[in-house]
Amino acid sequence: MDGFQAYGAGKAGGAFDPLTFIRQPQTVIRILCWLFSIVILGCVANEGYVNRPDEVEEYCIFNRNQNACNYAIAMGTLGFLCSAGFLALDVYFPQISGVKDRKKAVMLDIGVWKMLVFF
C-alpha cells in the first residue's frame, strides 16, 4: 500500500505534458466522441429535414417524426458539450489535489456518460 493514493491524488500538481495527455486512451476516446457528435449534429441539422415539392413545411426524414430529429439534435448537442467539457476537465484534473474534488470529478464523468448512453 506504499504510494497508494485515492483517485491519483499523489500525482497532483505535476507539470502538464501535452504529448502524454494526447496519448492517453481516455483523451483519444473523448476526442473521437467529440468528432462523432459534430458529425451527428451536422448530418441531422443539415440533411435531417426535407420537403416535397407539393408540401410547404419541412418534415423529419425519420418516419416524418419531428421528435426523432429533435432527439438526435439534442443528443448530438449534449455529446458535443459533454465531450468538450470533460476534455477540459481532463486537462485540469492533474492540478486538483483534493481527494474529494477528484472523486466528484470522476463520479460526474461516470454519471453523465451513463445517463447519455442509457437515455
PDB file of N, CA and C in Angstrom:
ATOM      1  N   MET A   1       0.812  -1.193   0.000  1.00  0.00           N
ATOM      2  CA  MET A   1       0.000   0.000   0.000  1.00  0.00           C
ATOM      3  C   MET A   1       0.858   1.260   0.000  1.00  0.00           C
ATOM      4  N   ASP A   2       2.147   1.095  -0.140  1.00  0.00           N
ATOM      5  CA  ASP A   2       3.025   2.243  -0.143  1.00  0.00           C
ATOM      6  C   ASP A   2       2.862   3.022  -1.448  1.00  0.00           C
ATOM      7  N   GLY A   3       2.625   4.312  -1.361  1.00  0.00           N
ATOM      8  CA  GLY A   3       2.475   5.140  -2.547  1.00  0.00           C
ATOM      9  C   GLY A   3       1.069   5.131  -3.126  1.00  0.00           C
ATOM     10  N   PHE A   4       0.131   4.440  -2.494  1.00  0.00           N
ATOM     11  CA  PHE A   4      -1.243   4.385  -2.999  1.00  0.00           C
ATOM     12  C   PHE A   4      -1.981   5.661  -2.611  1.00  0.00           C
ATOM     13  N   GLN A   5      -2.618   6.293  -3.570  1.00  0.00           N
ATOM     14  CA  GLN A   5      -3.394   7.497  -3.315  1.00  0.00           C
ATOM     15  C   GLN A   5      -4.734   7.373  -4.019  1.00  0.00           C
ATOM     16  N   ALA A   6      -5.779   7.793  -3.357  1.00  0.00           N
ATOM     17  CA  ALA A   6      -7.118   7.707  -3.931  1.00  0.00           C
ATOM     18  C   ALA A   6      -7.250   8.639  -5.123  1.00  0.00           C
ATOM     19  N   TYR A   7      -7.770   8.117  -6.221  1.00  0.00           N
ATOM     20  CA  TYR A   7      -8.029   8.872  -7.448  1.00  0.00           C
ATOM     21  C   TYR A   7      -6.776   9.551  -7.994  1.00  0.00           C
ATOM     22  N   GLY A   8      -5.614   9.000  -7.712  1.00  0.00           N
ATOM     23  CA  GLY A   8      -4.370   9.536  -8.244  1.00  0.00           C
ATOM     24  C   GLY A   8      -3.948  10.841  -7.607  1.00  0.00           C
ATOM     25  N   ALA A   9      -4.397  11.129  -6.407  1.00  0.00           N
ATOM     26  CA  ALA A   9      -4.089  12.411  -5.770  1.00  0.00           C
ATOM     27  C   ALA A   9      -2.612  12.573  -5.470  1.00  0.00           C
ATOM     28  N   GLY A  10      -1.864  11.475  -5.379  1.00  0.00           N
ATOM     29  CA  GLY A  10      -0.430  11.578  -5.112  1.00  0.00           C
ATOM     30  C   GLY A  10       0.330  12.210  -6.258  1.00  0.00           C
ATOM     31  N   LYS A  11      -0.237  12.183  -7.458  1.00  0.00           N
ATOM     32  CA  LYS A  11       0.424  12.745  -8.629  1.00  0.00           C
ATOM     33  C   LYS A  11      -0.018  14.185  -8.918  1.00  0.00           C
ATOM     34  N   ALA A  12      -0.840  14.746  -8.062  1.00  0.00           N
ATOM     35  CA  ALA A  12      -1.398  16.074  -8.310  1.00  0.00           C
ATOM     36  C   ALA A  12      -0.312  17.133  -8.260  1.00  0.00           C
ATOM     37  N   GLY A  13      -0.470  18.142  -9.112  1.00  0.00           N
ATOM     38  CA  GLY A  13       0.433  19.276  -9.117  1.00  0.00           C
ATOM     39  C   GLY A  13       1.597  19.157 -10.073  1.00  0.00           C
ATOM     40  N   GLY A  14       1.634  18.107 -10.849  1.00  0.00           N
ATOM     41  CA  GLY A  14       2.726  17.938 -11.804  1.00  0.00           C
ATOM     42  C   GLY A  14       2.564  18.865 -13.001  1.00  0.00           C
ATOM     43  N   ALA A  15       3.623  18.971 -13.783  1.00  0.00           N
ATOM     44  CA  ALA A  15       3.594  19.811 -14.980  1.00  0.00           C
ATOM     45  C   ALA A  15       2.758  19.140 -16.071  1.00  0.00           C
ATOM     46  N   PHE A  16       2.104  19.946 -16.884  1.00  0.00           N
ATOM     47  CA  PHE A  16       1.258  19.434 -17.960  1.00  0.00           C
ATOM     48  C   PHE A  16       2.120  19.104 -19.173  1.00  0.00           C
ATOM     49  N   ASP A  17       2.033  17.865 -19.629  1.00  0.00           N
ATOM     50  CA  ASP A  17       2.775  17.421 -20.799  1.00  0.00           C
ATOM     51  C   ASP A  17       1.768  17.097 -21.897  1.00  0.00           C
ATOM     52  N   PRO A  18       1.667  17.925 -22.952  1.00  0.00           N
ATOM     53  CA  PRO A  18       0.653  17.709 -23.992  1.00  0.00           C
ATOM     54  C   PRO A  18       0.809  16.383 -24.730  1.00  0.00           C
ATOM     55  N   LEU A  19       2.038  15.934 -24.947  1.00  0.00           N
ATOM     56  CA  LEU A  19       2.256  14.674 -25.663  1.00  0.00           C
ATOM     57  C   LEU A  19       1.725  13.485 -24.869  1.00  0.00           C
ATOM     58  N   THR A  20       2.004  13.466 -23.593  1.00  0.00           N
ATOM     59  CA  THR A  20       1.485  12.406 -22.731  1.00  0.00           C
ATOM     60  C   THR A  20      -0.031  12.479 -22.648  1.00  0.00           C
ATOM     61  N   PHE A  21      -0.562  13.683 -22.583  1.00  0.00           N
ATOM     62  CA  PHE A  21      -2.009  13.863 -22.498  1.00  0.00           C
ATOM     63  C   PHE A  21      -2.709  13.335 -23.746  1.00  0.00           C
ATOM     64  N   ILE A  22      -2.186  13.642 -24.918  1.00  0.00           N
ATOM     65  CA  ILE A  22      -2.798  13.201 -26.172  1.00  0.00           C
ATOM     66  C   ILE A  22      -2.733  11.686 -26.326  1.00  0.00           C
ATOM     67  N   ARG A  23      -1.722  11.062 -25.770  1.00  0.00           N
ATOM     68  CA  ARG A  23      -1.537   9.614 -25.913  1.00  0.00           C
ATOM     69  C   ARG A  23      -2.390   8.796 -24.951  1.00  0.00           C
ATOM     70  N   GLN A  24      -3.037   9.432 -23.998  1.00  0.00           N
ATOM     71  CA  GLN A  24      -3.872   8.689 -23.058  1.00  0.00           C
ATOM     72  C   GLN A  24      -5.107   8.156 -23.778  1.00  0.00           C
ATOM     73  N   PRO A  25      -5.514   6.913 -23.493  1.00  0.00           N
ATOM     74  CA  PRO A  25      -6.690   6.346 -24.157  1.00  0.00           C
ATOM     75  C   PRO A  25      -7.968   7.143 -23.921  1.00  0.00           C
ATOM     76  N   GLN A  26      -8.160   7.665 -22.718  1.00  0.00           N
ATOM     77  CA  GLN A  26      -9.374   8.429 -22.443  1.00  0.00           C
ATOM     78  C   GLN A  26      -9.413   9.716 -23.253  1.00  0.00           C
ATOM     79  N   THR A  27      -8.268  10.307 -23.511  1.00  0.00           N
ATOM     80  CA  THR A  27      -8.226  11.522 -24.323  1.00  0.00           C
ATOM     81  C   THR A  27      -8.572  11.211 -25.773  1.00  0.00           C
ATOM     82  N   VAL A  28      -8.057  10.123 -26.280  1.00  0.00           N
ATOM     83  CA  VAL A  28      -8.357   9.716 -27.655  1.00  0.00           C
ATOM     84  C   VAL A  28      -9.846   9.439 -27.801  1.00  0.00           C
ATOM     85  N   ILE A  29     -10.428   8.730 -26.828  1.00  0.00           N
ATOM     86  CA  ILE A  29     -11.859   8.421 -26.866  1.00  0.00           C
ATOM     87  C   ILE A  29     -12.689   9.692 -26.780  1.00  0.00           C
ATOM     88  N   ARG A  30     -12.312  10.617 -25.927  1.00  0.00           N
ATOM     89  CA  ARG A  30     -13.073  11.874 -25.802  1.00  0.00           C
ATOM     90  C   ARG A  30     -13.008  12.691 -27.094  1.00  0.00           C
ATOM     91  N   ILE A  31     -11.853  12.719 -27.730  1.00  0.00           N
ATOM     92  CA  ILE A  31     -11.727  13.450 -28.995  1.00  0.00           C
ATOM     93  C   ILE A  31     -12.572  12.781 -30.077  1.00  0.00           C
ATOM     94  N   LEU A  32     -12.559  11.450 -30.116  1.00  0.00           N
ATOM     95  CA  LEU A  32     -13.404  10.737 -31.086  1.00  0.00           C
ATOM     96  C   LEU A  32     -14.886  10.976 -30.819  1.00  0.00           C
ATOM     97  N   CYS A  33     -15.291  10.951 -29.554  1.00  0.00           N
ATOM     98  CA  CYS A  33     -16.694  11.247 -29.213  1.00  0.00           C
ATOM     99  C   CYS A  33     -17.061  12.664 -29.629  1.00  0.00           C
ATOM    100  N   TRP A  34     -16.149  13.590 -29.429  1.00  0.00           N
ATOM    101  CA  TRP A  34     -16.391  14.986 -29.803  1.00  0.00           C
ATOM    102  C   TRP A  34     -16.574  15.097 -31.317  1.00  0.00           C
ATOM    103  N   LEU A  35     -15.707  14.423 -32.077  1.00  0.00           N
ATOM    104  CA  LEU A  35     -15.820  14.466 -33.540  1.00  0.00           C
ATOM    105  C   LEU A  35     -17.100  13.786 -34.032  1.00  0.00           C
ATOM    106  N   PHE A  36     -17.436  12.639 -33.459  1.00  0.00           N
ATOM    107  CA  PHE A  36     -18.661  11.947 -33.866  1.00  0.00           C
ATOM    108  C   PHE A  36     -19.905  12.759 -33.514  1.00  0.00           C
ATOM    109  N   SER A  37     -19.882  13.464 -32.396  1.00  0.00           N
ATOM    110  CA  SER A  37     -21.037  14.296 -32.053  1.00  0.00           C
ATOM    111  C   SER A  37     -21.192  15.447 -33.044  1.00  0.00           C
ATOM    112  N   ILE A  38     -20.080  15.987 -33.539  1.00  0.00           N
ATOM    113  CA  ILE A  38     -20.150  17.023 -34.563  1.00  0.00           C
ATOM    114  C   ILE A  38     -20.757  16.451 -35.844  1.00  0.00           C
ATOM    115  N   VAL A  39     -20.347  15.234 -36.210  1.00  0.00           N
ATOM    116  CA  VAL A  39     -20.885  14.587 -37.411  1.00  0.00           C
ATOM    117  C   VAL A  39     -22.382  14.345 -37.271  1.00  0.00           C
ATOM    118  N   ILE A  40     -22.795  13.796 -36.128  1.00  0.00           N
ATOM    119  CA  ILE A  40     -24.219  13.524 -35.907  1.00  0.00           C
ATOM    120  C   ILE A  40     -25.018  14.815 -35.946  1.00  0.00           C
ATOM    121  N   LEU A  41     -24.565  15.787 -35.221  1.00  0.00           N
ATOM    122  CA  LEU A  41     -25.276  17.065 -35.167  1.00  0.00           C
ATOM    123  C   LEU A  41     -25.334  17.720 -36.540  1.00  0.00           C
ATOM    124  N   GLY A  42     -24.231  17.699 -37.262  1.00  0.00           N
ATOM    125  CA  GLY A  42     -24.201  18.311 -38.588  1.00  0.00           C
ATOM    126  C   GLY A  42     -25.093  17.595 -39.584  1.00  0.00           C
ATOM    127  N   CYS A  43     -25.070  16.266 -39.561  1.00  0.00           N
ATOM    128  CA  CYS A  43     -25.892  15.499 -40.505  1.00  0.00           C
ATOM    129  C   CYS A  43     -27.380  15.708 -40.258  1.00  0.00           C
ATOM    130  N   VAL A  44     -27.791  15.625 -39.007  1.00  0.00           N
ATOM    131  CA  VAL A  44     -29.220  15.751 -38.712  1.00  0.00           C
ATOM    132  C   VAL A  44     -29.695  17.186 -38.912  1.00  0.00           C
ATOM    133  N   ALA A  45     -28.893  18.145 -38.492  1.00  0.00           N
ATOM    134  CA  ALA A  45     -29.320  19.538 -38.630  1.00  0.00           C
ATOM    135  C   ALA A  45     -29.331  19.983 -40.091  1.00  0.00           C
ATOM    136  N   ASN A  46     -28.426  19.447 -40.898  1.00  0.00           N
ATOM    137  CA  ASN A  46     -28.327  19.872 -42.283  1.00  0.00           C
ATOM    138  C   ASN A  46     -29.233  19.070 -43.215  1.00  0.00           C
ATOM    139  N   GLU A  47     -29.224  17.761 -43.080  1.00  0.00           N
ATOM    140  CA  GLU A  47     -29.962  16.901 -44.008  1.00  0.00           C
ATOM    141  C   GLU A  47     -31.105  16.131 -43.357  1.00  0.00           C
ATOM    142  N   GLY A  48     -31.418  16.432 -42.117  1.00  0.00           N
ATOM    143  CA  GLY A  48     -32.476  15.701 -41.419  1.00  0.00           C
ATOM    144  C   GLY A  48     -33.870  16.162 -41.768  1.00  0.00           C
ATOM    145  N   TYR A  49     -33.980  17.322 -42.343  1.00  0.00           N
ATOM    146  CA  TYR A  49     -35.287  17.876 -42.695  1.00  0.00           C
ATOM    147  C   TYR A  49     -35.355  18.063 -44.207  1.00  0.00           C
ATOM    148  N   VAL A  50     -36.408  17.570 -44.805  1.00  0.00           N
ATOM    149  CA  VAL A  50     -36.621  17.725 -46.241  1.00  0.00           C
ATOM    150  C   VAL A  50     -38.079  18.096 -46.480  1.00  0.00           C
ATOM    151  N   ASN A  51     -38.345  18.586 -47.647  1.00  0.00           N
ATOM    152  CA  ASN A  51     -39.733  18.834 -48.006  1.00  0.00           C
ATOM    153  C   ASN A  51     -39.970  18.381 -49.449  1.00  0.00           C
ATOM    154  N   ARG A  52     -41.165  17.954 -49.679  1.00  0.00           N
ATOM    155  CA  ARG A  52     -41.549  17.535 -51.018  1.00  0.00           C
ATOM    156  C   ARG A  52     -41.977  18.767 -51.810  1.00  0.00           C
ATOM    157  N   PRO A  53     -41.921  18.670 -53.130  1.00  0.00           N
ATOM    158  CA  PRO A  53     -42.316  19.830 -53.936  1.00  0.00           C
ATOM    159  C   PRO A  53     -43.773  20.245 -53.730  1.00  0.00           C
ATOM    160  N   ASP A  54     -44.633  19.302 -53.385  1.00  0.00           N
ATOM    161  CA  ASP A  54     -46.044  19.628 -53.214  1.00  0.00           C
ATOM    162  C   ASP A  54     -46.386  20.060 -51.786  1.00  0.00           C
ATOM    163  N   GLU A  55     -45.416  20.046 -50.867  1.00  0.00           N
ATOM    164  CA  GLU A  55     -45.656  20.439 -49.480  1.00  0.00           C
ATOM    165  C   GLU A  55     -44.867  21.699 -49.143  1.00  0.00           C
ATOM    166  N   VAL A  56     -45.448  22.488 -48.272  1.00  0.00           N
ATOM    167  CA  VAL A  56     -44.805  23.742 -47.876  1.00  0.00           C
ATOM    168  C   VAL A  56     -43.859  23.518 -46.695  1.00  0.00           C
ATOM    169  N   GLU A  57     -44.281  22.731 -45.715  1.00  0.00           N
ATOM    170  CA  GLU A  57     -43.498  22.535 -44.500  1.00  0.00           C
ATOM    171  C   GLU A  57     -42.451  21.442 -44.675  1.00  0.00           C
ATOM    172  N   GLU A  58     -41.316  21.642 -43.997  1.00  0.00           N
ATOM    173  CA  GLU A  58     -40.297  20.603 -43.969  1.00  0.00           C
ATOM    174  C   GLU A  58     -40.697  19.551 -42.944  1.00  0.00           C
ATOM    175  N   TYR A  59     -40.255  18.329 -43.172  1.00  0.00           N
ATOM    176  CA  TYR A  59     -40.515  17.270 -42.208  1.00  0.00           C
ATOM    177  C   TYR A  59     -39.237  16.484 -41.978  1.00  0.00           C
ATOM    178  N   CYS A  60     -39.212  15.783 -40.866  1.00  0.00           N
ATOM    179  CA  CYS A  60     -38.044  14.993 -40.489  1.00  0.00           C
ATOM    180  C   CYS A  60     -37.989  13.732 -41.344  1.00  0.00           C
ATOM    181  N   ILE A  61     -36.785  13.351 -41.755  1.00  0.00           N
ATOM    182  CA  ILE A  61     -36.652  12.177 -42.612  1.00  0.00           C
ATOM    183  C   ILE A  61     -36.845  10.882 -41.838  1.00  0.00           C
ATOM    184  N   PHE A  62     -36.824  10.932 -40.523  1.00  0.00           N
ATOM    185  CA  PHE A  62     -37.011   9.740 -39.705  1.00  0.00           C
ATOM    186  C   PHE A  62     -38.504   9.481 -39.525  1.00  0.00           C
ATOM    187  N   ASN A  63     -39.122   8.870 -40.520  1.00  0.00           N
ATOM    188  CA  ASN A  63     -40.525   8.483 -40.484  1.00  0.00           C
ATOM    189  C   ASN A  63     -41.451   9.683 -40.255  1.00  0.00           C
ATOM    190  N   ARG A  64     -41.027  10.842 -40.751  1.00  0.00           N
ATOM    191  CA  ARG A  64     -41.798  12.084 -40.624  1.00  0.00           C
ATOM    192  C   ARG A  64     -42.135  12.413 -39.166  1.00  0.00           C
ATOM    193  N   ASN A  65     -41.265  12.004 -38.275  1.00  0.00           N
ATOM    194  CA  ASN A  65     -41.472  12.204 -36.846  1.00  0.00           C
ATOM    195  C   ASN A  65     -40.556  13.324 -36.362  1.00  0.00           C
ATOM    196  N   GLN A  66     -41.146  14.427 -36.006  1.00  0.00           N
ATOM    197  CA  GLN A  66     -40.377  15.599 -35.569  1.00  0.00           C
ATOM    198  C   GLN A  66     -39.596  15.311 -34.291  1.00  0.00           C
ATOM    199  N   ASN A  67     -40.146  14.488 -33.426  1.00  0.00           N
ATOM    200  CA  ASN A  67     -39.465  14.173 -32.169  1.00  0.00           C
ATOM    201  C   ASN A  67     -38.172  13.401 -32.403  1.00  0.00           C
ATOM    202  N   ALA A  68     -38.118  12.594 -33.437  1.00  0.00           N
ATOM    203  CA  ALA A  68     -36.899  11.841 -33.732  1.00  0.00           C
ATOM    204  C   ALA A  68     -35.757  12.793 -34.096  1.00  0.00           C
ATOM    205  N   CYS A  69     -36.036  13.779 -34.910  1.00  0.00           N
ATOM    206  CA  CYS A  69     -34.993  14.758 -35.254  1.00  0.00           C
ATOM    207  C   CYS A  69     -34.615  15.612 -34.049  1.00  0.00           C
ATOM    208  N   ASN A  70     -35.587  15.995 -33.257  1.00  0.00           N
ATOM    209  CA  ASN A  70     -35.293  16.775 -32.054  1.00  0.00           C
ATOM    210  C   ASN A  70     -34.406  15.985 -31.095  1.00  0.00           C
ATOM    211  N   TYR A  71     -34.699  14.691 -30.953  1.00  0.00           N
ATOM    212  CA  TYR A  71     -33.891  13.835 -30.082  1.00  0.00           C
ATOM    213  C   TYR A  71     -32.460  13.718 -30.610  1.00  0.00           C
ATOM    214  N   ALA A  72     -32.315  13.523 -31.900  1.00  0.00           N
ATOM    215  CA  ALA A  72     -30.983  13.390 -32.495  1.00  0.00           C
ATOM    216  C   ALA A  72     -30.182  14.681 -32.329  1.00  0.00           C
ATOM    217  N   ILE A  73     -30.808  15.806 -32.514  1.00  0.00           N
ATOM    218  CA  ILE A  73     -30.118  17.086 -32.336  1.00  0.00           C
ATOM    219  C   ILE A  73     -29.757  17.301 -30.870  1.00  0.00           C
ATOM    220  N   ALA A  74     -30.660  16.944 -29.967  1.00  0.00           N
ATOM    221  CA  ALA A  74     -30.370  17.088 -28.534  1.00  0.00           C
ATOM    222  C   ALA A  74     -29.209  16.191 -28.113  1.00  0.00           C
ATOM    223  N   MET A  75     -29.191  14.948 -28.565  1.00  0.00           N
ATOM    224  CA  MET A  75     -28.107  14.035 -28.206  1.00  0.00           C
ATOM    225  C   MET A  75     -26.777  14.479 -28.822  1.00  0.00           C
ATOM    226  N   GLY A  76     -26.808  14.978 -30.047  1.00  0.00           N
ATOM    227  CA  GLY A  76     -25.591  15.490 -30.672  1.00  0.00           C
ATOM    228  C   GLY A  76     -25.045  16.696 -29.921  1.00  0.00           C
ATOM    229  N   THR A  77     -25.932  17.578 -29.502  1.00  0.00           N
ATOM    230  CA  THR A  77     -25.519  18.762 -28.751  1.00  0.00           C
ATOM    231  C   THR A  77     -24.973  18.383 -27.382  1.00  0.00           C
ATOM    232  N   LEU A  78     -25.688  17.499 -26.676  1.00  0.00           N
ATOM    233  CA  LEU A  78     -25.207  17.057 -25.362  1.00  0.00           C
ATOM    234  C   LEU A  78     -23.878  16.326 -25.469  1.00  0.00           C
ATOM    235  N   GLY A  79     -23.739  15.488 -26.479  1.00  0.00           N
ATOM    236  CA  GLY A  79     -22.474  14.791 -26.678  1.00  0.00           C
ATOM    237  C   GLY A  79     -21.330  15.749 -26.952  1.00  0.00           C
ATOM    238  N   PHE A  80     -21.596  16.761 -27.760  1.00  0.00           N
ATOM    239  CA  PHE A  80     -20.580  17.766 -28.078  1.00  0.00           C
ATOM    240  C   PHE A  80     -20.162  18.531 -26.819  1.00  0.00           C
ATOM    241  N   LEU A  81     -21.135  19.018 -26.074  1.00  0.00           N
ATOM    242  CA  LEU A  81     -20.835  19.819 -24.886  1.00  0.00           C
ATOM    243  C   LEU A  81     -20.152  18.989 -23.806  1.00  0.00           C
ATOM    244  N   CYS A  82     -20.643  17.768 -23.586  1.00  0.00           N
ATOM    245  CA  CYS A  82     -20.043  16.912 -22.554  1.00  0.00           C
ATOM    246  C   CYS A  82     -18.628  16.495 -22.939  1.00  0.00           C
ATOM    247  N   SER A  83     -18.411  16.152 -24.186  1.00  0.00           N
ATOM    248  CA  SER A  83     -17.061  15.764 -24.612  1.00  0.00           C
ATOM    249  C   SER A  83     -16.085  16.925 -24.459  1.00  0.00           C
ATOM    250  N   ALA A  84     -16.505  18.101 -24.873  1.00  0.00           N
ATOM    251  CA  ALA A  84     -15.633  19.266 -24.743  1.00  0.00           C
ATOM    252  C   ALA A  84     -15.384  19.605 -23.271  1.00  0.00           C
ATOM    253  N   GLY A  85     -16.427  19.539 -22.459  1.00  0.00           N
ATOM    254  CA  GLY A  85     -16.281  19.839 -21.035  1.00  0.00           C
ATOM    255  C   GLY A  85     -15.382  18.855 -20.310  1.00  0.00           C
ATOM    256  N   PHE A  86     -15.578  17.569 -20.582  1.00  0.00           N
ATOM    257  CA  PHE A  86     -14.762  16.569 -19.907  1.00  0.00           C
ATOM    258  C   PHE A  86     -13.337  16.525 -20.451  1.00  0.00           C
ATOM    259  N   LEU A  87     -13.145  16.924 -21.689  1.00  0.00           N
ATOM    260  CA  LEU A  87     -11.791  17.053 -22.216  1.00  0.00           C
ATOM    261  C   LEU A  87     -11.057  18.173 -21.476  1.00  0.00           C
ATOM    262  N   ALA A  88     -11.769  19.274 -21.231  1.00  0.00           N
ATOM    263  CA  ALA A  88     -11.185  20.371 -20.450  1.00  0.00           C
ATOM    264  C   ALA A  88     -10.925  19.930 -19.009  1.00  0.00           C
ATOM    265  N   LEU A  89     -11.830  19.125 -18.449  1.00  0.00           N
ATOM    266  CA  LEU A  89     -11.629  18.613 -17.094  1.00  0.00           C
ATOM    267  C   LEU A  89     -10.418  17.685 -17.039  1.00  0.00           C
ATOM    268  N   ASP A  90     -10.201  16.906 -18.082  1.00  0.00           N
ATOM    269  CA  ASP A  90      -9.028  16.033 -18.131  1.00  0.00           C
ATOM    270  C   ASP A  90      -7.725  16.834 -18.141  1.00  0.00           C
ATOM    271  N   VAL A  91      -7.749  17.991 -18.774  1.00  0.00           N
ATOM    272  CA  VAL A  91      -6.562  18.858 -18.767  1.00  0.00           C
ATOM    273  C   VAL A  91      -6.328  19.403 -17.358  1.00  0.00           C
ATOM    274  N   TYR A  92      -7.402  19.775 -16.682  1.00  0.00           N
ATOM    275  CA  TYR A  92      -7.314  20.388 -15.359  1.00  0.00           C
ATOM    276  C   TYR A  92      -7.153  19.354 -14.243  1.00  0.00           C
ATOM    277  N   PHE A  93      -7.522  18.103 -14.487  1.00  0.00           N
ATOM    278  CA  PHE A  93      -7.569  17.066 -13.454  1.00  0.00           C
ATOM    279  C   PHE A  93      -6.258  16.863 -12.701  1.00  0.00           C
ATOM    280  N   PRO A  94      -5.098  16.845 -13.364  1.00  0.00           N
ATOM    281  CA  PRO A  94      -3.852  16.658 -12.596  1.00  0.00           C
ATOM    282  C   PRO A  94      -3.558  17.782 -11.600  1.00  0.00           C
ATOM    283  N   GLN A  95      -4.169  18.926 -11.765  1.00  0.00           N
ATOM    284  CA  GLN A  95      -3.934  20.042 -10.854  1.00  0.00           C
ATOM    285  C   GLN A  95      -4.818  19.986  -9.612  1.00  0.00           C
ATOM    286  N   ILE A  96      -5.841  19.128  -9.624  1.00  0.00           N
ATOM    287  CA  ILE A  96      -6.742  19.006  -8.477  1.00  0.00           C
ATOM    288  C   ILE A  96      -6.051  18.152  -7.425  1.00  0.00           C
ATOM    289  N   SER A  97      -5.839  18.719  -6.232  1.00  0.00           N
ATOM    290  CA  SER A  97      -5.110  17.982  -5.205  1.00  0.00           C
ATOM    291  C   SER A  97      -6.030  17.346  -4.170  1.00  0.00           C
ATOM    292  N   GLY A  98      -7.242  17.856  -4.012  1.00  0.00           N
ATOM    293  CA  GLY A  98      -8.154  17.312  -3.010  1.00  0.00           C
ATOM    294  C   GLY A  98      -8.798  16.018  -3.473  1.00  0.00           C
ATOM    295  N   VAL A  99      -8.773  15.012  -2.604  1.00  0.00           N
ATOM    296  CA  VAL A  99      -9.340  13.712  -2.944  1.00  0.00           C
ATOM    297  C   VAL A  99     -10.843  13.826  -3.166  1.00  0.00           C
ATOM    298  N   LYS A 100     -11.503  14.638  -2.362  1.00  0.00           N
ATOM    299  CA  LYS A 100     -12.962  14.788  -2.509  1.00  0.00           C
ATOM    300  C   LYS A 100     -13.307  15.449  -3.839  1.00  0.00           C
ATOM    301  N   ASP A 101     -12.524  16.428  -4.252  1.00  0.00           N
ATOM    302  CA  ASP A 101     -12.777  17.084  -5.537  1.00  0.00           C
ATOM    303  C   ASP A 101     -12.507  16.134  -6.700  1.00  0.00           C
ATOM    304  N   ARG A 102     -11.464  15.343  -6.591  1.00  0.00           N
ATOM    305  CA  ARG A 102     -11.177  14.348  -7.626  1.00  0.00           C
ATOM    306  C   ARG A 102     -12.298  13.313  -7.709  1.00  0.00           C
ATOM    307  N   LYS A 103     -12.790  12.900  -6.545  1.00  0.00           N
ATOM    308  CA  LYS A 103     -13.880  11.926  -6.512  1.00  0.00           C
ATOM    309  C   LYS A 103     -15.120  12.501  -7.179  1.00  0.00           C
ATOM    310  N   LYS A 104     -15.418  13.761  -6.904  1.00  0.00           N
ATOM    311  CA  LYS A 104     -16.575  14.402  -7.531  1.00  0.00           C
ATOM    312  C   LYS A 104     -16.416  14.454  -9.049  1.00  0.00           C
ATOM    313  N   ALA A 105     -15.216  14.762  -9.517  1.00  0.00           N
ATOM    314  CA  ALA A 105     -14.972  14.832 -10.960  1.00  0.00           C
ATOM    315  C   ALA A 105     -15.146  13.463 -11.612  1.00  0.00           C
ATOM    316  N   VAL A 106     -14.621  12.418 -10.970  1.00  0.00           N
ATOM    317  CA  VAL A 106     -14.731  11.068 -11.520  1.00  0.00           C
ATOM    318  C   VAL A 106     -16.184  10.596 -11.505  1.00  0.00           C
ATOM    319  N   MET A 107     -16.887  10.846 -10.415  1.00  0.00           N
ATOM    320  CA  MET A 107     -18.288  10.421 -10.318  1.00  0.00           C
ATOM    321  C   MET A 107     -19.171  11.196 -11.309  1.00  0.00           C
ATOM    322  N   LEU A 108     -18.873  12.458 -11.519  1.00  0.00           N
ATOM    323  CA  LEU A 108     -19.606  13.241 -12.511  1.00  0.00           C
ATOM    324  C   LEU A 108     -19.385  12.675 -13.908  1.00  0.00           C
ATOM    325  N   ASP A 109     -18.161  12.334 -14.207  1.00  0.00           N
ATOM    326  CA  ASP A 109     -17.825  11.739 -15.500  1.00  0.00           C
ATOM    327  C   ASP A 109     -18.598  10.433 -15.709  1.00  0.00           C
ATOM    328  N   ILE A 110     -18.553   9.562 -14.739  1.00  0.00           N
ATOM    329  CA  ILE A 110     -19.250   8.276 -14.848  1.00  0.00           C
ATOM    330  C   ILE A 110     -20.753   8.486 -14.951  1.00  0.00           C
ATOM    331  N   GLY A 111     -21.299   9.363 -14.119  1.00  0.00           N
ATOM    332  CA  GLY A 111     -22.749   9.592 -14.112  1.00  0.00           C
ATOM    333  C   GLY A 111     -23.279  10.194 -15.394  1.00  0.00           C
ATOM    334  N   VAL A 112     -22.581  11.177 -15.932  1.00  0.00           N
ATOM    335  CA  VAL A 112     -23.049  11.834 -17.158  1.00  0.00           C
ATOM    336  C   VAL A 112     -22.999  10.875 -18.333  1.00  0.00           C
ATOM    337  N   TRP A 113     -21.915  10.149 -18.494  1.00  0.00           N
ATOM    338  CA  TRP A 113     -21.819   9.234 -19.629  1.00  0.00           C
ATOM    339  C   TRP A 113     -22.796   8.075 -19.496  1.00  0.00           C
ATOM    340  N   LYS A 114     -23.056   7.646 -18.271  1.00  0.00           N
ATOM    341  CA  LYS A 114     -24.040   6.583 -18.066  1.00  0.00           C
ATOM    342  C   LYS A 114     -25.430   7.090 -18.458  1.00  0.00           C
ATOM    343  N   MET A 115     -25.743   8.330 -18.085  1.00  0.00           N
ATOM    344  CA  MET A 115     -27.045   8.904 -18.463  1.00  0.00           C
ATOM    345  C   MET A 115     -27.167   9.048 -19.985  1.00  0.00           C
ATOM    346  N   LEU A 116     -26.102   9.515 -20.642  1.00  0.00           N
ATOM    347  CA  LEU A 116     -26.160   9.703 -22.087  1.00  0.00           C
ATOM    348  C   LEU A 116     -26.283   8.381 -22.832  1.00  0.00           C
ATOM    349  N   VAL A 117     -25.598   7.357 -22.331  1.00  0.00           N
ATOM    350  CA  VAL A 117     -25.640   6.060 -23.014  1.00  0.00           C
ATOM    351  C   VAL A 117     -26.985   5.382 -22.836  1.00  0.00           C
ATOM    352  N   PHE A 118     -27.547   5.455 -21.635  1.00  0.00           N
ATOM    353  CA  PHE A 118     -28.776   4.730 -21.360  1.00  0.00           C
ATOM    354  C   PHE A 118     -30.032   5.583 -21.518  1.00  0.00           C
ATOM    355  N   PHE A 119     -29.907   6.829 -21.901  1.00  0.00           N
ATOM    356  CA  PHE A 119     -31.070   7.691 -22.088  1.00  0.00           C
ATOM    357  C   PHE A 119     -31.574   7.506 -23.457  1.00  0.00           C
TER     358      PHE A 119
END
